[in-house]
């Protein structure tokens, strides 16, 4: 449920080249990395406590409800240096869970298509705290080029390689609250910051018109100032309904076009497919994902 535009739309080979040169740039990156207590500005420190997650897979936050068997499809366009492309993402809340640092997380499966071809297949791991905030514990994003899996170099998992879980959605979003860290993984230069930009908006997309919409402005302070921001629109009781871009050379515009409730048989099939991805991750990402516990069906 958190589509994130990756600036590799011109080809995954560019990402692989970047990964190969990270060791050369590591000193400069370390110098530019903000201190942990100011990742997204004053007051944005991550206050993670594993004991806060008493019923972590019961994700009922009204702005980001994640009920197993729900499937959402967003479509639109993505613009990058090589032009404008058709883009669609299928977001599926699986019936799987995965324990990360002692917390049982819910597994989401996102399939990202560009010009009709699979570009990325990602497992993402969410849990809700007893206060009602939804946390992101990590991502395993498999990248594809011309239909072939080329790796998952952007994988990060909370507690490994200094990665930290962050707040994907606050319990009570406030216009006056400090910006929040959505997740932080310095080894892969991943830092998403969120700011409550607007509340009580009205948005119309193909699935209908929604009132009381919350708008979150997202950015990465590790990127150049002209990289632009992404804005995501969340409807109470539904979740993500729209994505827009502000500034920057790479832009994504997406609308919610389909909401499905899978049958028990369809959910079983999704679970089986997601388990195959989880198992493959132990070979594709030996240094990170292979250190996690296997995903399981339930609870």
Protein backbone atom coordinates (compact mmCIF):
# COMPACT_ATOMS: atom_id res chain seq x y z
CA UNK A 1 0.00 0.00 0.00
CA UNK A 2 2.98 2.30 -0.19
CA UNK A 3 3.92 2.68 -3.85
CA UNK A 4 7.19 4.50 -4.04
CA UNK A 5 8.59 5.82 -7.30
CA UNK A 6 12.09 4.43 -7.78
CA UNK A 7 14.21 6.45 -10.12
CA UNK A 8 15.33 3.35 -11.99
CA UNK A 9 12.57 3.42 -14.59
CA UNK A 10 15.12 3.82 -17.37
CA UNK A 11 16.39 0.33 -16.56
CA UNK A 12 17.36 -1.71 -13.53
CA UNK A 13 20.90 -1.97 -14.82
CA UNK A 14 21.44 1.59 -13.63
CA UNK A 15 20.67 0.47 -10.09
CA UNK A 16 23.08 -2.42 -10.35
CA UNK A 17 25.79 -0.03 -11.53
CA UNK A 18 25.02 2.23 -8.60
CA UNK A 19 25.29 -0.68 -6.18
CA UNK A 20 28.69 -1.57 -7.63
CA UNK A 21 29.99 1.96 -7.01
CA UNK A 22 28.60 2.47 -3.50
CA UNK A 23 31.88 1.55 -1.86
CA UNK A 24 33.59 4.44 -3.65
CA UNK A 25 30.93 6.91 -2.51
CA UNK A 26 30.44 5.56 1.01
CA UNK A 27 32.50 8.24 2.72
CA UNK A 28 30.56 11.05 1.06
CA UNK A 29 27.25 9.38 1.84
CA UNK A 30 28.17 8.92 5.49
CA UNK A 31 29.10 12.59 5.74
CA UNK A 32 25.71 13.61 4.30
CA UNK A 33 23.64 11.28 6.49
CA UNK A 34 21.80 13.20 9.24
CA UNK A 35 21.98 12.23 12.88
CA UNK A 36 19.40 9.63 14.03
CA UNK A 37 17.47 12.19 16.11
CA UNK A 38 16.97 14.59 13.20
CA UNK A 39 16.48 12.36 10.18
CA UNK A 40 13.39 14.26 9.05
CA UNK A 41 13.96 17.45 11.00
CA UNK A 42 13.44 18.53 14.63
CA UNK A 43 11.22 16.20 16.63
CA UNK A 44 11.40 13.36 14.11
CA UNK A 45 13.35 10.90 16.25
CA UNK A 46 12.27 7.26 15.89
CA UNK A 47 10.72 6.02 19.14
CA UNK A 48 10.63 2.29 18.49
CA UNK A 49 9.70 -0.07 21.32
CA UNK A 50 8.98 -3.72 20.54
CA UNK A 51 6.68 -3.96 23.58
CA UNK A 52 4.28 -1.49 21.91
CA UNK A 53 3.20 -4.18 19.44
CA UNK A 54 0.64 -6.28 21.33
CA UNK A 55 -1.66 -7.14 18.37
CA UNK A 56 0.62 -6.11 15.52
CA UNK A 57 -1.10 -7.86 12.60
CA UNK A 58 -4.52 -6.39 13.42
CA UNK A 59 -3.99 -3.27 11.33
CA UNK A 60 -7.12 -1.15 11.77
CA UNK A 61 -5.72 2.38 11.42
CA UNK A 62 -8.54 4.13 9.53
CA UNK A 63 -6.13 5.78 7.08
CA UNK A 64 -4.24 2.57 6.29
CA UNK A 65 -6.40 -0.47 7.10
CA UNK A 66 -4.67 -3.67 6.01
CA UNK A 67 -7.10 -6.58 6.05
CA UNK A 68 -5.91 -9.91 4.58
CA UNK A 69 -7.59 -10.65 1.27
CA UNK A 70 -8.01 -7.04 0.17
CA UNK A 71 -6.52 -6.10 -3.20
CA UNK A 72 -6.18 -2.57 -4.55
CA UNK A 73 -5.04 -1.51 -8.02
CA UNK A 74 -3.70 1.93 -8.86
CA UNK A 75 -2.94 3.08 -12.39
CA UNK A 76 -1.48 6.17 -14.00
CA UNK A 77 1.74 7.40 -15.54
CA UNK A 78 5.34 7.78 -14.52
CA UNK A 79 7.66 10.34 -16.11
CA UNK A 80 11.44 9.95 -16.13
CA UNK A 81 14.36 10.96 -18.32
CA UNK A 82 13.33 8.49 -21.01
CA UNK A 83 9.75 9.73 -21.35
CA UNK A 84 6.25 9.04 -20.05
CA UNK A 85 5.21 5.45 -19.34
CA UNK A 86 1.98 3.71 -18.36
CA UNK A 87 2.25 2.52 -14.78
CA UNK A 88 0.11 0.29 -12.58
CA UNK A 89 0.56 -1.31 -9.17
CA UNK A 90 -1.44 -4.19 -7.68
CA UNK A 91 -1.37 -4.08 -3.88
CA UNK A 92 -2.45 -7.26 -2.09
CA UNK A 93 -2.75 -7.77 1.67
CA UNK A 94 -1.71 -11.39 2.09
CA UNK A 95 -2.63 -13.80 4.85
CA UNK A 96 1.06 -14.20 5.70
CA UNK A 97 3.08 -12.92 8.63
CA UNK A 98 6.80 -12.59 9.21
CA UNK A 99 8.55 -12.07 12.54
CA UNK A 100 11.08 -9.23 12.46
CA UNK A 101 13.04 -8.34 15.60
CA UNK A 102 10.47 -10.14 17.73
CA UNK A 103 7.45 -8.37 16.18
CA UNK A 104 4.97 -10.28 14.01
CA UNK A 105 4.36 -8.24 10.86
CA UNK A 106 1.73 -8.48 8.15
CA UNK A 107 3.08 -9.23 4.66
CA UNK A 108 1.95 -7.09 1.72
CA UNK A 109 2.69 -8.03 -1.88
CA UNK A 110 3.00 -5.25 -4.45
CA UNK A 111 3.41 -5.89 -8.19
CA UNK A 112 4.61 -2.88 -10.16
CA UNK A 113 4.08 -2.81 -13.94
CA UNK A 114 5.48 -0.32 -16.44
CA UNK A 115 4.11 -0.32 -19.99
CA UNK A 116 2.42 -3.62 -19.13
CA UNK A 117 5.63 -5.39 -18.10
CA UNK A 118 6.49 -6.42 -14.54
CA UNK A 119 9.15 -4.08 -13.20
CA UNK A 120 9.12 -4.91 -9.51
CA UNK A 121 7.60 -7.50 -7.19
CA UNK A 122 7.88 -6.51 -3.57
CA UNK A 123 7.09 -7.96 -0.17
CA UNK A 124 6.67 -5.27 2.50
CA UNK A 125 6.19 -5.79 6.22
CA UNK A 126 3.82 -3.75 8.39
CA UNK A 127 2.66 -3.86 12.00
CA UNK A 128 0.37 -1.69 14.12
CA UNK A 129 1.37 -0.46 17.56
CA UNK A 130 -1.07 -0.43 20.47
CA UNK A 131 -1.23 3.36 20.04
CA UNK A 132 -2.64 2.80 16.53
CA UNK A 133 0.32 3.81 14.35
CA UNK A 134 1.23 1.60 11.38
CA UNK A 135 4.96 0.85 11.16
CA UNK A 136 7.01 -0.28 8.16
CA UNK A 137 9.58 -2.93 9.16
CA UNK A 138 11.23 -3.54 5.82
CA UNK A 139 10.95 -4.35 2.14
CA UNK A 140 12.14 -7.07 -0.17
CA UNK A 141 11.77 -5.57 -3.70
CA UNK A 142 12.69 -7.91 -6.55
CA UNK A 143 13.59 -5.95 -9.67
CA UNK A 144 12.93 -7.16 -13.20
CA UNK A 145 14.39 -6.15 -16.55
CA UNK A 146 12.76 -7.41 -19.76
CA UNK A 147 10.90 -10.01 -17.72
CA UNK A 148 14.02 -11.34 -15.99
CA UNK A 149 14.77 -11.07 -12.28
CA UNK A 150 17.99 -9.08 -11.88
CA UNK A 151 18.20 -8.85 -8.09
CA UNK A 152 16.88 -7.06 -5.02
CA UNK A 153 19.63 -4.53 -4.13
CA UNK A 154 17.26 -2.21 -2.25
CA UNK A 155 16.26 -4.81 0.35
CA UNK A 156 16.20 -3.59 3.93
CA UNK A 157 14.98 -5.14 7.16
CA UNK A 158 14.62 -3.44 10.54
CA UNK A 159 17.47 -4.38 12.84
CA UNK A 160 19.85 -5.45 10.06
CA UNK A 161 22.61 -3.25 8.60
CA UNK A 162 21.47 -0.35 10.81
CA UNK A 163 18.02 -0.22 9.21
CA UNK A 164 15.22 1.10 11.42
CA UNK A 165 11.47 0.67 11.22
CA UNK A 166 9.48 3.87 10.93
CA UNK A 167 5.94 5.19 11.04
CA UNK A 168 4.18 4.52 7.76
CA UNK A 169 1.01 6.13 9.11
CA UNK A 170 0.62 8.00 12.41
CA UNK A 171 -2.13 6.96 14.81
CA UNK A 172 -3.59 10.47 14.85
CA UNK A 173 -2.22 12.53 11.93
CA UNK A 174 -1.89 16.19 12.85
CA UNK A 175 -1.00 19.26 10.81
CA UNK A 176 1.10 20.53 13.70
CA UNK A 177 3.03 17.31 14.33
CA UNK A 178 6.74 17.07 13.39
CA UNK A 179 7.60 15.23 10.19
CA UNK A 180 7.88 11.49 10.77
CA UNK A 181 10.44 8.92 9.62
CA UNK A 182 8.69 6.25 7.55
CA UNK A 183 11.78 4.00 7.44
CA UNK A 184 15.55 4.40 7.43
CA UNK A 185 18.12 2.12 5.82
CA UNK A 186 21.50 3.87 5.40
CA UNK A 187 23.16 0.95 3.60
CA UNK A 188 20.82 1.40 0.63
CA UNK A 189 20.41 5.19 0.97
CA UNK A 190 16.75 4.76 1.90
CA UNK A 191 15.06 7.45 3.96
CA UNK A 192 11.40 8.37 3.57
CA UNK A 193 10.01 11.30 5.53
CA UNK A 194 6.32 12.09 5.85
CA UNK A 195 4.57 15.34 6.68
CA UNK A 196 0.83 15.78 7.22
CA UNK A 197 0.11 18.29 4.46
CA UNK A 198 -3.70 18.57 4.34
CA UNK A 199 -6.79 17.14 6.00
CA UNK A 200 -10.51 17.01 5.15
CA UNK A 201 -9.98 17.07 1.39
CA UNK A 202 -12.35 15.75 -1.28
CA UNK A 203 -10.88 13.56 -4.03
CA UNK A 204 -12.55 11.81 -6.96
CA UNK A 205 -10.93 8.81 -8.68
CA UNK A 206 -12.36 5.94 -10.79
CA UNK A 207 -13.52 4.03 -7.68
CA UNK A 208 -15.58 7.01 -6.50
CA UNK A 209 -15.43 10.32 -4.67
CA UNK A 210 -13.98 10.40 -1.18
CA UNK A 211 -14.46 12.99 1.56
CA UNK A 212 -12.28 13.56 4.62
CA UNK A 213 -9.11 12.71 2.69
CA UNK A 214 -5.72 12.98 4.38
CA UNK A 215 -2.73 14.15 2.31
CA UNK A 216 0.81 13.10 3.27
CA UNK A 217 3.78 14.85 1.66
CA UNK A 218 6.78 12.50 1.26
CA UNK A 219 10.40 13.32 0.55
CA UNK A 220 13.93 12.02 1.03
CA UNK A 221 16.32 14.59 2.58
CA UNK A 222 19.30 12.58 1.31
CA UNK A 223 18.33 13.51 -2.25
CA UNK A 224 19.09 16.88 -3.91
CA UNK A 225 16.66 19.70 -3.06
CA UNK A 226 15.30 19.68 -6.62
CA UNK A 227 14.41 15.97 -6.52
CA UNK A 228 10.76 16.75 -5.81
CA UNK A 229 8.17 15.36 -3.41
CA UNK A 230 5.45 12.73 -3.64
CA UNK A 231 1.98 13.36 -2.23
CA UNK A 232 -0.29 10.51 -1.21
CA UNK A 233 -4.01 10.82 -0.55
CA UNK A 234 -5.65 8.53 2.00
CA UNK A 235 -9.39 8.09 2.50
CA UNK A 236 -10.72 7.08 5.90
CA UNK A 237 -11.72 3.41 5.81
CA UNK A 238 -10.18 2.76 2.40
CA UNK A 239 -6.53 3.81 2.47
CA UNK A 240 -4.51 5.08 -0.47
CA UNK A 241 -6.67 6.51 -3.28
CA UNK A 242 -4.34 8.86 -5.16
CA UNK A 243 -0.64 9.69 -5.72
CA UNK A 244 0.72 12.91 -7.21
CA UNK A 245 4.12 14.55 -7.59
CA UNK A 246 5.41 18.04 -6.87
CA UNK A 247 8.57 19.22 -8.62
CA UNK A 248 11.54 17.10 -9.64
CA UNK A 249 12.42 15.47 -12.98
CA UNK A 250 10.82 12.11 -12.05
CA UNK A 251 7.09 12.18 -11.39
CA UNK A 252 4.35 9.65 -10.74
CA UNK A 253 0.57 10.18 -10.92
CA UNK A 254 -1.68 7.30 -9.86
CA UNK A 255 -5.39 6.79 -9.10
CA UNK A 256 -7.18 3.96 -7.36
CA UNK A 257 -9.12 2.09 -10.05
CA UNK A 258 -10.10 -1.18 -8.37
CA UNK A 259 -10.91 -2.58 -4.92
CA UNK A 260 -11.36 -6.34 -4.62
CA UNK A 261 -12.07 -8.74 -1.80
CA UNK A 262 -10.38 -12.04 -2.69
CA UNK A 263 -12.15 -15.33 -2.16
CA UNK A 264 -10.65 -17.84 0.24
CA UNK A 265 -9.27 -19.81 -2.72
CA UNK A 266 -7.77 -16.69 -4.30
CA UNK A 267 -6.15 -15.70 -1.00
CA UNK A 268 -4.68 -19.19 -0.68
CA UNK A 269 -3.15 -18.78 -4.13
CA UNK A 270 -1.75 -15.35 -3.24
CA UNK A 271 -0.26 -16.76 -0.04
CA UNK A 272 1.42 -19.57 -1.99
CA UNK A 273 2.90 -17.14 -4.51
CA UNK A 274 4.13 -14.80 -1.79
CA UNK A 275 5.72 -17.73 0.06
CA UNK A 276 7.65 -18.58 -3.13
CA UNK A 277 8.97 -15.00 -3.25
CA UNK A 278 9.88 -15.16 0.44
CA UNK A 279 11.81 -18.41 -0.10
CA UNK A 280 13.60 -17.00 -3.15
CA UNK A 281 14.72 -14.03 -1.10
CA UNK A 282 17.07 -16.28 0.86
CA UNK A 283 19.07 -16.86 -2.31
CA UNK A 284 18.71 -13.43 -3.91
CA UNK A 285 19.51 -11.39 -0.79
CA UNK A 286 21.92 -13.57 1.17
CA UNK A 287 23.43 -10.73 3.19
CA UNK A 288 20.12 -9.27 4.45
CA UNK A 289 16.91 -11.17 3.74
CA UNK A 290 18.47 -14.55 4.39
CA UNK A 291 18.90 -13.48 8.02
CA UNK A 292 15.15 -13.23 8.61
CA UNK A 293 12.69 -15.88 9.81
CA UNK A 294 10.58 -17.45 7.03
CA UNK A 295 7.11 -16.04 6.41
CA UNK A 296 4.20 -18.20 7.53
CA UNK A 297 0.45 -18.36 6.97
CA UNK A 298 -1.52 -16.59 9.71
CA UNK A 299 -2.17 -15.54 12.36
